[in-house]
Amino acid sequence: FGRHFMYVVLFGTCLPITAMMVPV
């Protein structure tokens, strides 16, 4: 699942920090 894991990693770079701050 190496390629799929890299896709997940790339998706993580697209998450805006402002969208995560409320649950964080």
mmCIF file of all heavy atoms, coordinates in Angstrom:
data_MODEL
# 
_entry.id   MODEL 
# 
loop_
_atom_site.group_PDB 
_atom_site.id 
_atom_site.type_symbol 
_atom_site.label_atom_id 
_atom_site.label_alt_id 
_atom_site.label_comp_id 
_atom_site.label_asym_id 
_atom_site.label_entity_id 
_atom_site.label_seq_id 
_atom_site.pdbx_PDB_ins_code 
_atom_site.Cartn_x 
_atom_site.Cartn_y 
_atom_site.Cartn_z 
_atom_site.occupancy 
_atom_site.B_iso_or_equiv 
_atom_site.pdbx_formal_charge 
_atom_site.auth_seq_id 
_atom_site.auth_comp_id 
_atom_site.auth_asym_id 
_atom_site.auth_atom_id 
_atom_site.pdbx_PDB_model_num 
ATOM 1   N N   . PHE A 1 1  ? 0.828   -1.199 0.000  1.00 0.00 ? 1  PHE A N   1 
ATOM 2   C CA  . PHE A 1 1  ? 0.000   0.000  0.000  1.00 0.00 ? 1  PHE A CA  1 
ATOM 3   C C   . PHE A 1 1  ? 0.871   1.260  0.000  1.00 0.00 ? 1  PHE A C   1 
ATOM 4   O O   . PHE A 1 1  ? 0.443   2.302  0.496  1.00 0.00 ? 1  PHE A O   1 
ATOM 5   C CB  . PHE A 1 1  ? -0.921  0.010  1.225  1.00 0.00 ? 1  PHE A CB  1 
ATOM 6   C CG  . PHE A 1 1  ? -1.837  -1.184 1.310  1.00 0.00 ? 1  PHE A CG  1 
ATOM 7   C CD1 . PHE A 1 1  ? -1.559  -2.232 2.169  1.00 0.00 ? 1  PHE A CD1 1 
ATOM 8   C CD2 . PHE A 1 1  ? -2.961  -1.255 0.504  1.00 0.00 ? 1  PHE A CD2 1 
ATOM 9   C CE1 . PHE A 1 1  ? -2.398  -3.323 2.250  1.00 0.00 ? 1  PHE A CE1 1 
ATOM 10  C CE2 . PHE A 1 1  ? -3.805  -2.348 0.564  1.00 0.00 ? 1  PHE A CE2 1 
ATOM 11  C CZ  . PHE A 1 1  ? -3.522  -3.394 1.439  1.00 0.00 ? 1  PHE A CZ  1 
ATOM 12  N N   . GLY A 1 2  ? 2.080   1.152  -0.544 1.00 0.00 ? 2  GLY A N   1 
ATOM 13  C CA  . GLY A 1 2  ? 2.981   2.294  -0.544 1.00 0.00 ? 2  GLY A CA  1 
ATOM 14  C C   . GLY A 1 2  ? 2.447   3.471  -1.345 1.00 0.00 ? 2  GLY A C   1 
ATOM 15  O O   . GLY A 1 2  ? 2.486   4.615  -0.890 1.00 0.00 ? 2  GLY A O   1 
ATOM 16  N N   . ARG A 1 3  ? 1.935   3.193  -2.543 1.00 0.00 ? 3  ARG A N   1 
ATOM 17  C CA  . ARG A 1 3  ? 1.425   4.277  -3.379 1.00 0.00 ? 3  ARG A CA  1 
ATOM 18  C C   . ARG A 1 3  ? 0.195   4.922  -2.748 1.00 0.00 ? 3  ARG A C   1 
ATOM 19  O O   . ARG A 1 3  ? 0.056   6.158  -2.756 1.00 0.00 ? 3  ARG A O   1 
ATOM 20  C CB  . ARG A 1 3  ? 1.093   3.740  -4.762 1.00 0.00 ? 3  ARG A CB  1 
ATOM 21  C CG  . ARG A 1 3  ? 0.533   4.795  -5.717 1.00 0.00 ? 3  ARG A CG  1 
ATOM 22  C CD  . ARG A 1 3  ? 0.330   4.228  -7.098 1.00 0.00 ? 3  ARG A CD  1 
ATOM 23  N NE  . ARG A 1 3  ? 1.605   3.800  -7.692 1.00 0.00 ? 3  ARG A NE  1 
ATOM 24  C CZ  . ARG A 1 3  ? 1.688   3.275  -8.908 1.00 0.00 ? 3  ARG A CZ  1 
ATOM 25  N NH1 . ARG A 1 3  ? 0.594   3.111  -9.652 1.00 0.00 ? 3  ARG A NH1 1 
ATOM 26  N NH2 . ARG A 1 3  ? 2.863   2.918  -9.392 1.00 0.00 ? 3  ARG A NH2 1 
ATOM 27  N N   . HIS A 1 4  ? -0.690  4.119  -2.184 1.00 0.00 ? 4  HIS A N   1 
ATOM 28  C CA  . HIS A 1 4  ? -1.879  4.673  -1.543 1.00 0.00 ? 4  HIS A CA  1 
ATOM 29  C C   . HIS A 1 4  ? -1.496  5.504  -0.316 1.00 0.00 ? 4  HIS A C   1 
ATOM 30  O O   . HIS A 1 4  ? -2.119  6.535  -0.027 1.00 0.00 ? 4  HIS A O   1 
ATOM 31  C CB  . HIS A 1 4  ? -2.833  3.547  -1.143 1.00 0.00 ? 4  HIS A CB  1 
ATOM 32  C CG  . HIS A 1 4  ? -3.314  2.719  -2.294 1.00 0.00 ? 4  HIS A CG  1 
ATOM 33  N ND1 . HIS A 1 4  ? -2.572  1.671  -2.793 1.00 0.00 ? 4  HIS A ND1 1 
ATOM 34  C CD2 . HIS A 1 4  ? -4.437  2.805  -3.066 1.00 0.00 ? 4  HIS A CD2 1 
ATOM 35  C CE1 . HIS A 1 4  ? -3.226  1.123  -3.811 1.00 0.00 ? 4  HIS A CE1 1 
ATOM 36  N NE2 . HIS A 1 4  ? -4.361  1.790  -3.992 1.00 0.00 ? 4  HIS A NE2 1 
ATOM 37  N N   . PHE A 1 5  ? -0.461  5.046  0.390  1.00 0.00 ? 5  PHE A N   1 
ATOM 38  C CA  . PHE A 1 5  ? -0.012  5.822  1.543  1.00 0.00 ? 5  PHE A CA  1 
ATOM 39  C C   . PHE A 1 5  ? 0.527   7.176  1.106  1.00 0.00 ? 5  PHE A C   1 
ATOM 40  O O   . PHE A 1 5  ? 0.283   8.198  1.775  1.00 0.00 ? 5  PHE A O   1 
ATOM 41  C CB  . PHE A 1 5  ? 1.068   5.038  2.299  1.00 0.00 ? 5  PHE A CB  1 
ATOM 42  C CG  . PHE A 1 5  ? 1.598   5.757  3.502  1.00 0.00 ? 5  PHE A CG  1 
ATOM 43  C CD1 . PHE A 1 5  ? 0.871   5.792  4.682  1.00 0.00 ? 5  PHE A CD1 1 
ATOM 44  C CD2 . PHE A 1 5  ? 2.825   6.402  3.453  1.00 0.00 ? 5  PHE A CD2 1 
ATOM 45  C CE1 . PHE A 1 5  ? 1.360   6.453  5.788  1.00 0.00 ? 5  PHE A CE1 1 
ATOM 46  C CE2 . PHE A 1 5  ? 3.321   7.072  4.555  1.00 0.00 ? 5  PHE A CE2 1 
ATOM 47  C CZ  . PHE A 1 5  ? 2.584   7.084  5.727  1.00 0.00 ? 5  PHE A CZ  1 
ATOM 48  N N   . MET A 1 6  ? 1.247   7.241  0.001  1.00 0.00 ? 6  MET A N   1 
ATOM 49  C CA  . MET A 1 6  ? 1.750   8.514  -0.501 1.00 0.00 ? 6  MET A CA  1 
ATOM 50  C C   . MET A 1 6  ? 0.618   9.425  -0.931 1.00 0.00 ? 6  MET A C   1 
ATOM 51  O O   . MET A 1 6  ? 0.692   10.650 -0.761 1.00 0.00 ? 6  MET A O   1 
ATOM 52  C CB  . MET A 1 6  ? 2.714   8.276  -1.665 1.00 0.00 ? 6  MET A CB  1 
ATOM 53  C CG  . MET A 1 6  ? 4.026   7.634  -1.269 1.00 0.00 ? 6  MET A CG  1 
ATOM 54  S SD  . MET A 1 6  ? 4.916   8.564  -0.002 1.00 0.00 ? 6  MET A SD  1 
ATOM 55  C CE  . MET A 1 6  ? 5.154   10.131 -0.827 1.00 0.00 ? 6  MET A CE  1 
ATOM 56  N N   . TYR A 1 7  ? -0.464  8.827  -1.484 1.00 0.00 ? 7  TYR A N   1 
ATOM 57  C CA  . TYR A 1 7  ? -1.630  9.644  -1.812 1.00 0.00 ? 7  TYR A CA  1 
ATOM 58  C C   . TYR A 1 7  ? -2.242  10.257 -0.553 1.00 0.00 ? 7  TYR A C   1 
ATOM 59  O O   . TYR A 1 7  ? -2.670  11.424 -0.545 1.00 0.00 ? 7  TYR A O   1 
ATOM 60  C CB  . TYR A 1 7  ? -2.665  8.805  -2.542 1.00 0.00 ? 7  TYR A CB  1 
ATOM 61  C CG  . TYR A 1 7  ? -2.280  8.422  -3.952 1.00 0.00 ? 7  TYR A CG  1 
ATOM 62  C CD1 . TYR A 1 7  ? -2.811  7.291  -4.559 1.00 0.00 ? 7  TYR A CD1 1 
ATOM 63  C CD2 . TYR A 1 7  ? -1.393  9.201  -4.684 1.00 0.00 ? 7  TYR A CD2 1 
ATOM 64  C CE1 . TYR A 1 7  ? -2.459  6.934  -5.858 1.00 0.00 ? 7  TYR A CE1 1 
ATOM 65  C CE2 . TYR A 1 7  ? -1.040  8.853  -5.978 1.00 0.00 ? 7  TYR A CE2 1 
ATOM 66  C CZ  . TYR A 1 7  ? -1.570  7.714  -6.555 1.00 0.00 ? 7  TYR A CZ  1 
ATOM 67  O OH  . TYR A 1 7  ? -1.210  7.380  -7.837 1.00 0.00 ? 7  TYR A OH  1 
ATOM 68  N N   . VAL A 1 8  ? -2.288  9.479  0.504  1.00 0.00 ? 8  VAL A N   1 
ATOM 69  C CA  . VAL A 1 8  ? -2.811  10.002 1.772  1.00 0.00 ? 8  VAL A CA  1 
ATOM 70  C C   . VAL A 1 8  ? -1.906  11.114 2.290  1.00 0.00 ? 8  VAL A C   1 
ATOM 71  O O   . VAL A 1 8  ? -2.377  12.132 2.817  1.00 0.00 ? 8  VAL A O   1 
ATOM 72  C CB  . VAL A 1 8  ? -2.945  8.868  2.802  1.00 0.00 ? 8  VAL A CB  1 
ATOM 73  C CG1 . VAL A 1 8  ? -3.327  9.417  4.167  1.00 0.00 ? 8  VAL A CG1 1 
ATOM 74  C CG2 . VAL A 1 8  ? -3.969  7.849  2.331  1.00 0.00 ? 8  VAL A CG2 1 
ATOM 75  N N   . VAL A 1 9  ? -0.603  10.922 2.149  1.00 0.00 ? 9  VAL A N   1 
ATOM 76  C CA  . VAL A 1 9  ? 0.339   11.958 2.592  1.00 0.00 ? 9  VAL A CA  1 
ATOM 77  C C   . VAL A 1 9  ? 0.135   13.242 1.801  1.00 0.00 ? 9  VAL A C   1 
ATOM 78  O O   . VAL A 1 9  ? 0.105   14.343 2.359  1.00 0.00 ? 9  VAL A O   1 
ATOM 79  C CB  . VAL A 1 9  ? 1.788   11.442 2.443  1.00 0.00 ? 9  VAL A CB  1 
ATOM 80  C CG1 . VAL A 1 9  ? 2.783   12.575 2.640  1.00 0.00 ? 9  VAL A CG1 1 
ATOM 81  C CG2 . VAL A 1 9  ? 2.055   10.338 3.448  1.00 0.00 ? 9  VAL A CG2 1 
ATOM 82  N N   . LEU A 1 10 ? -0.011  13.122 0.476  1.00 0.00 ? 10 LEU A N   1 
ATOM 83  C CA  . LEU A 1 10 ? -0.245  14.306 -0.347 1.00 0.00 ? 10 LEU A CA  1 
ATOM 84  C C   . LEU A 1 10 ? -1.570  14.970 0.002  1.00 0.00 ? 10 LEU A C   1 
ATOM 85  O O   . LEU A 1 10 ? -1.688  16.198 -0.019 1.00 0.00 ? 10 LEU A O   1 
ATOM 86  C CB  . LEU A 1 10 ? -0.216  13.932 -1.827 1.00 0.00 ? 10 LEU A CB  1 
ATOM 87  C CG  . LEU A 1 10 ? 1.152   13.572 -2.397 1.00 0.00 ? 10 LEU A CG  1 
ATOM 88  C CD1 . LEU A 1 10 ? 1.026   13.140 -3.845 1.00 0.00 ? 10 LEU A CD1 1 
ATOM 89  C CD2 . LEU A 1 10 ? 2.104   14.734 -2.289 1.00 0.00 ? 10 LEU A CD2 1 
ATOM 90  N N   . PHE A 1 11 ? -2.579  14.170 0.329  1.00 0.00 ? 11 PHE A N   1 
ATOM 91  C CA  . PHE A 1 11 ? -3.859  14.744 0.732  1.00 0.00 ? 11 PHE A CA  1 
ATOM 92  C C   . PHE A 1 11 ? -3.707  15.522 2.034  1.00 0.00 ? 11 PHE A C   1 
ATOM 93  O O   . PHE A 1 11 ? -4.374  16.546 2.240  1.00 0.00 ? 11 PHE A O   1 
ATOM 94  C CB  . PHE A 1 11 ? -4.900  13.640 0.904  1.00 0.00 ? 11 PHE A CB  1 
ATOM 95  C CG  . PHE A 1 11 ? -6.223  14.132 1.437  1.00 0.00 ? 11 PHE A CG  1 
ATOM 96  C CD1 . PHE A 1 11 ? -7.099  14.825 0.623  1.00 0.00 ? 11 PHE A CD1 1 
ATOM 97  C CD2 . PHE A 1 11 ? -6.576  13.911 2.760  1.00 0.00 ? 11 PHE A CD2 1 
ATOM 98  C CE1 . PHE A 1 11 ? -8.317  15.278 1.113  1.00 0.00 ? 11 PHE A CE1 1 
ATOM 99  C CE2 . PHE A 1 11 ? -7.786  14.362 3.263  1.00 0.00 ? 11 PHE A CE2 1 
ATOM 100 C CZ  . PHE A 1 11 ? -8.660  15.054 2.433  1.00 0.00 ? 11 PHE A CZ  1 
ATOM 101 N N   . GLY A 1 12 ? -2.822  15.060 2.909  1.00 0.00 ? 12 GLY A N   1 
ATOM 102 C CA  . GLY A 1 12 ? -2.603  15.771 4.172  1.00 0.00 ? 12 GLY A CA  1 
ATOM 103 C C   . GLY A 1 12 ? -2.025  17.152 3.977  1.00 0.00 ? 12 GLY A C   1 
ATOM 104 O O   . GLY A 1 12 ? -2.226  18.036 4.822  1.00 0.00 ? 12 GLY A O   1 
ATOM 105 N N   . THR A 1 13 ? -1.298  17.381 2.874  1.00 0.00 ? 13 THR A N   1 
ATOM 106 C CA  . THR A 1 13 ? -0.761  18.707 2.615  1.00 0.00 ? 13 THR A CA  1 
ATOM 107 C C   . THR A 1 13 ? -1.837  19.697 2.176  1.00 0.00 ? 13 THR A C   1 
ATOM 108 O O   . THR A 1 13 ? -1.589  20.904 2.178  1.00 0.00 ? 13 THR A O   1 
ATOM 109 C CB  . THR A 1 13 ? 0.316   18.635 1.521  1.00 0.00 ? 13 THR A CB  1 
ATOM 110 O OG1 . THR A 1 13 ? -0.280  18.168 0.295  1.00 0.00 ? 13 THR A OG1 1 
ATOM 111 C CG2 . THR A 1 13 ? 1.427   17.677 1.920  1.00 0.00 ? 13 THR A CG2 1 
ATOM 112 N N   . CYS A 1 14 ? -3.008  19.200 1.785  1.00 0.00 ? 14 CYS A N   1 
ATOM 113 C CA  . CYS A 1 14 ? -4.077  20.074 1.304  1.00 0.00 ? 14 CYS A CA  1 
ATOM 114 C C   . CYS A 1 14 ? -5.005  20.537 2.412  1.00 0.00 ? 14 CYS A C   1 
ATOM 115 O O   . CYS A 1 14 ? -5.857  21.401 2.172  1.00 0.00 ? 14 CYS A O   1 
ATOM 116 C CB  . CYS A 1 14 ? -4.891  19.365 0.223  1.00 0.00 ? 14 CYS A CB  1 
ATOM 117 S SG  . CYS A 1 14 ? -3.921  18.786 -1.186 1.00 0.00 ? 14 CYS A SG  1 
ATOM 118 N N   . LEU A 1 15 ? -4.884  19.975 3.605  1.00 0.00 ? 15 LEU A N   1 
ATOM 119 C CA  . LEU A 1 15 ? -5.790  20.350 4.688  1.00 0.00 ? 15 LEU A CA  1 
ATOM 120 C C   . LEU A 1 15 ? -5.415  21.718 5.239  1.00 0.00 ? 15 LEU A C   1 
ATOM 121 O O   . LEU A 1 15 ? -4.301  21.905 5.725  1.00 0.00 ? 15 LEU A O   1 
ATOM 122 C CB  . LEU A 1 15 ? -5.740  19.301 5.803  1.00 0.00 ? 15 LEU A CB  1 
ATOM 123 C CG  . LEU A 1 15 ? -6.254  17.906 5.442  1.00 0.00 ? 15 LEU A CG  1 
ATOM 124 C CD1 . LEU A 1 15 ? -6.048  16.958 6.618  1.00 0.00 ? 15 LEU A CD1 1 
ATOM 125 C CD2 . LEU A 1 15 ? -7.731  17.962 5.067  1.00 0.00 ? 15 LEU A CD2 1 
ATOM 126 N N   . PRO A 1 16 ? -6.315  22.694 5.196  1.00 0.00 ? 16 PRO A N   1 
ATOM 127 C CA  . PRO A 1 16 ? -5.998  24.010 5.780  1.00 0.00 ? 16 PRO A CA  1 
ATOM 128 C C   . PRO A 1 16 ? -5.976  23.946 7.290  1.00 0.00 ? 16 PRO A C   1 
ATOM 129 O O   . PRO A 1 16 ? -6.781  23.251 7.914  1.00 0.00 ? 16 PRO A O   1 
ATOM 130 C CB  . PRO A 1 16 ? -7.134  24.897 5.260  1.00 0.00 ? 16 PRO A CB  1 
ATOM 131 C CG  . PRO A 1 16 ? -8.265  23.957 5.013  1.00 0.00 ? 16 PRO A CG  1 
ATOM 132 C CD  . PRO A 1 16 ? -7.645  22.647 4.590  1.00 0.00 ? 16 PRO A CD  1 
ATOM 133 N N   . ILE A 1 17 ? -5.034  24.680 7.874  1.00 0.00 ? 17 ILE A N   1 
ATOM 134 C CA  . ILE A 1 17 ? -4.869  24.642 9.319  1.00 0.00 ? 17 ILE A CA  1 
ATOM 135 C C   . ILE A 1 17 ? -6.078  25.242 10.027 1.00 0.00 ? 17 ILE A C   1 
ATOM 136 O O   . ILE A 1 17 ? -6.443  24.830 11.138 1.00 0.00 ? 17 ILE A O   1 
ATOM 137 C CB  . ILE A 1 17 ? -3.578  25.380 9.715  1.00 0.00 ? 17 ILE A CB  1 
ATOM 138 C CG1 . ILE A 1 17 ? -3.226  25.105 11.172 1.00 0.00 ? 17 ILE A CG1 1 
ATOM 139 C CG2 . ILE A 1 17 ? -3.702  26.867 9.461  1.00 0.00 ? 17 ILE A CG2 1 
ATOM 140 C CD1 . ILE A 1 17 ? -2.843  23.697 11.460 1.00 0.00 ? 17 ILE A CD1 1 
ATOM 141 N N   . THR A 1 18 ? -6.751  26.203 9.394  1.00 0.00 ? 18 THR A N   1 
ATOM 142 C CA  . THR A 1 18 ? -7.914  26.823 10.024 1.00 0.00 ? 18 THR A CA  1 
ATOM 143 C C   . THR A 1 18 ? -9.077  25.843 10.162 1.00 0.00 ? 18 THR A C   1 
ATOM 144 O O   . THR A 1 18 ? -9.887  25.959 11.076 1.00 0.00 ? 18 THR A O   1 
ATOM 145 C CB  . THR A 1 18 ? -8.371  28.043 9.204  1.00 0.00 ? 18 THR A CB  1 
ATOM 146 O OG1 . THR A 1 18 ? -8.556  27.651 7.835  1.00 0.00 ? 18 THR A OG1 1 
ATOM 147 C CG2 . THR A 1 18 ? -7.335  29.138 9.267  1.00 0.00 ? 18 THR A CG2 1 
ATOM 148 N N   . ALA A 1 19 ? -9.161  24.872 9.243  1.00 0.00 ? 19 ALA A N   1 
ATOM 149 C CA  . ALA A 1 19 ? -10.249 23.895 9.316  1.00 0.00 ? 19 ALA A CA  1 
ATOM 150 C C   . ALA A 1 19 ? -10.045 22.896 10.436 1.00 0.00 ? 19 ALA A C   1 
ATOM 151 O O   . ALA A 1 19 ? -11.004 22.266 10.889 1.00 0.00 ? 19 ALA A O   1 
ATOM 152 C CB  . ALA A 1 19 ? -10.378 23.161 7.984  1.00 0.00 ? 19 ALA A CB  1 
ATOM 153 N N   . MET A 1 20 ? -8.805  22.742 10.914 1.00 0.00 ? 20 MET A N   1 
ATOM 154 C CA  . MET A 1 20 ? -8.526  21.770 11.956 1.00 0.00 ? 20 MET A CA  1 
ATOM 155 C C   . MET A 1 20 ? -8.510  22.365 13.358 1.00 0.00 ? 20 MET A C   1 
ATOM 156 O O   . MET A 1 20 ? -8.486  21.632 14.341 1.00 0.00 ? 20 MET A O   1 
ATOM 157 C CB  . MET A 1 20 ? -7.158  21.108 11.696 1.00 0.00 ? 20 MET A CB  1 
ATOM 158 C CG  . MET A 1 20 ? -7.078  20.338 10.404 1.00 0.00 ? 20 MET A CG  1 
ATOM 159 S SD  . MET A 1 20 ? -5.497  19.448 10.263 1.00 0.00 ? 20 MET A SD  1 
ATOM 160 C CE  . MET A 1 20 ? -4.359  20.825 10.123 1.00 0.00 ? 20 MET A CE  1 
ATOM 161 N N   . MET A 1 21 ? -8.489  23.687 13.480 1.00 0.00 ? 21 MET A N   1 
ATOM 162 C CA  . MET A 1 21 ? -8.237  24.293 14.781 1.00 0.00 ? 21 MET A CA  1 
ATOM 163 C C   . MET A 1 21 ? -9.376  24.102 15.761 1.00 0.00 ? 21 MET A C   1 
ATOM 164 O O   . MET A 1 21 ? -9.143  24.014 16.972 1.00 0.00 ? 21 MET A O   1 
ATOM 165 C CB  . MET A 1 21 ? -7.943  25.786 14.620 1.00 0.00 ? 21 MET A CB  1 
ATOM 166 C CG  . MET A 1 21 ? -6.560  26.075 14.082 1.00 0.00 ? 21 MET A CG  1 
ATOM 167 S SD  . MET A 1 21 ? -5.254  25.165 14.947 1.00 0.00 ? 21 MET A SD  1 
ATOM 168 C CE  . MET A 1 21 ? -5.426  25.786 16.612 1.00 0.00 ? 21 MET A CE  1 
ATOM 169 N N   . VAL A 1 22 ? -10.623 24.035 15.282 1.00 0.00 ? 22 VAL A N   1 
ATOM 170 C CA  . VAL A 1 22 ? -11.743 23.854 16.220 1.00 0.00 ? 22 VAL A CA  1 
ATOM 171 C C   . VAL A 1 22 ? -11.668 22.492 16.906 1.00 0.00 ? 22 VAL A C   1 
ATOM 172 O O   . VAL A 1 22 ? -11.692 22.401 18.147 1.00 0.00 ? 22 VAL A O   1 
ATOM 173 C CB  . VAL A 1 22 ? -13.092 24.046 15.505 1.00 0.00 ? 22 VAL A CB  1 
ATOM 174 C CG1 . VAL A 1 22 ? -14.249 23.676 16.441 1.00 0.00 ? 22 VAL A CG1 1 
ATOM 175 C CG2 . VAL A 1 22 ? -13.235 25.486 15.032 1.00 0.00 ? 22 VAL A CG2 1 
ATOM 176 N N   . PRO A 1 23 ? -11.553 21.363 16.174 1.00 0.00 ? 23 PRO A N   1 
ATOM 177 C CA  . PRO A 1 23 ? -11.398 20.079 16.874 1.00 0.00 ? 23 PRO A CA  1 
ATOM 178 C C   . PRO A 1 23 ? -10.074 19.971 17.629 1.00 0.00 ? 23 PRO A C   1 
ATOM 179 O O   . PRO A 1 23 ? -10.015 19.325 18.687 1.00 0.00 ? 23 PRO A O   1 
ATOM 180 C CB  . PRO A 1 23 ? -11.495 19.032 15.759 1.00 0.00 ? 23 PRO A CB  1 
ATOM 181 C CG  . PRO A 1 23 ? -11.178 19.764 14.518 1.00 0.00 ? 23 PRO A CG  1 
ATOM 182 C CD  . PRO A 1 23 ? -11.667 21.153 14.710 1.00 0.00 ? 23 PRO A CD  1 
ATOM 183 N N   . VAL A 1 24 ? -9.018  20.593 17.121 1.00 0.00 ? 24 VAL A N   1 
ATOM 184 C CA  . VAL A 1 24 ? -7.738  20.546 17.830 1.00 0.00 ? 24 VAL A CA  1 
ATOM 185 C C   . VAL A 1 24 ? -7.835  21.303 19.152 1.00 0.00 ? 24 VAL A C   1 
ATOM 186 O O   . VAL A 1 24 ? -7.323  20.844 20.178 1.00 0.00 ? 24 VAL A O   1 
ATOM 187 C CB  . VAL A 1 24 ? -6.616  21.133 16.941 1.00 0.00 ? 24 VAL A CB  1 
ATOM 188 C CG1 . VAL A 1 24 ? -5.349  21.390 17.757 1.00 0.00 ? 24 VAL A CG1 1 
ATOM 189 C CG2 . VAL A 1 24 ? -6.311  20.177 15.796 1.00 0.00 ? 24 VAL A CG2 1 
# 
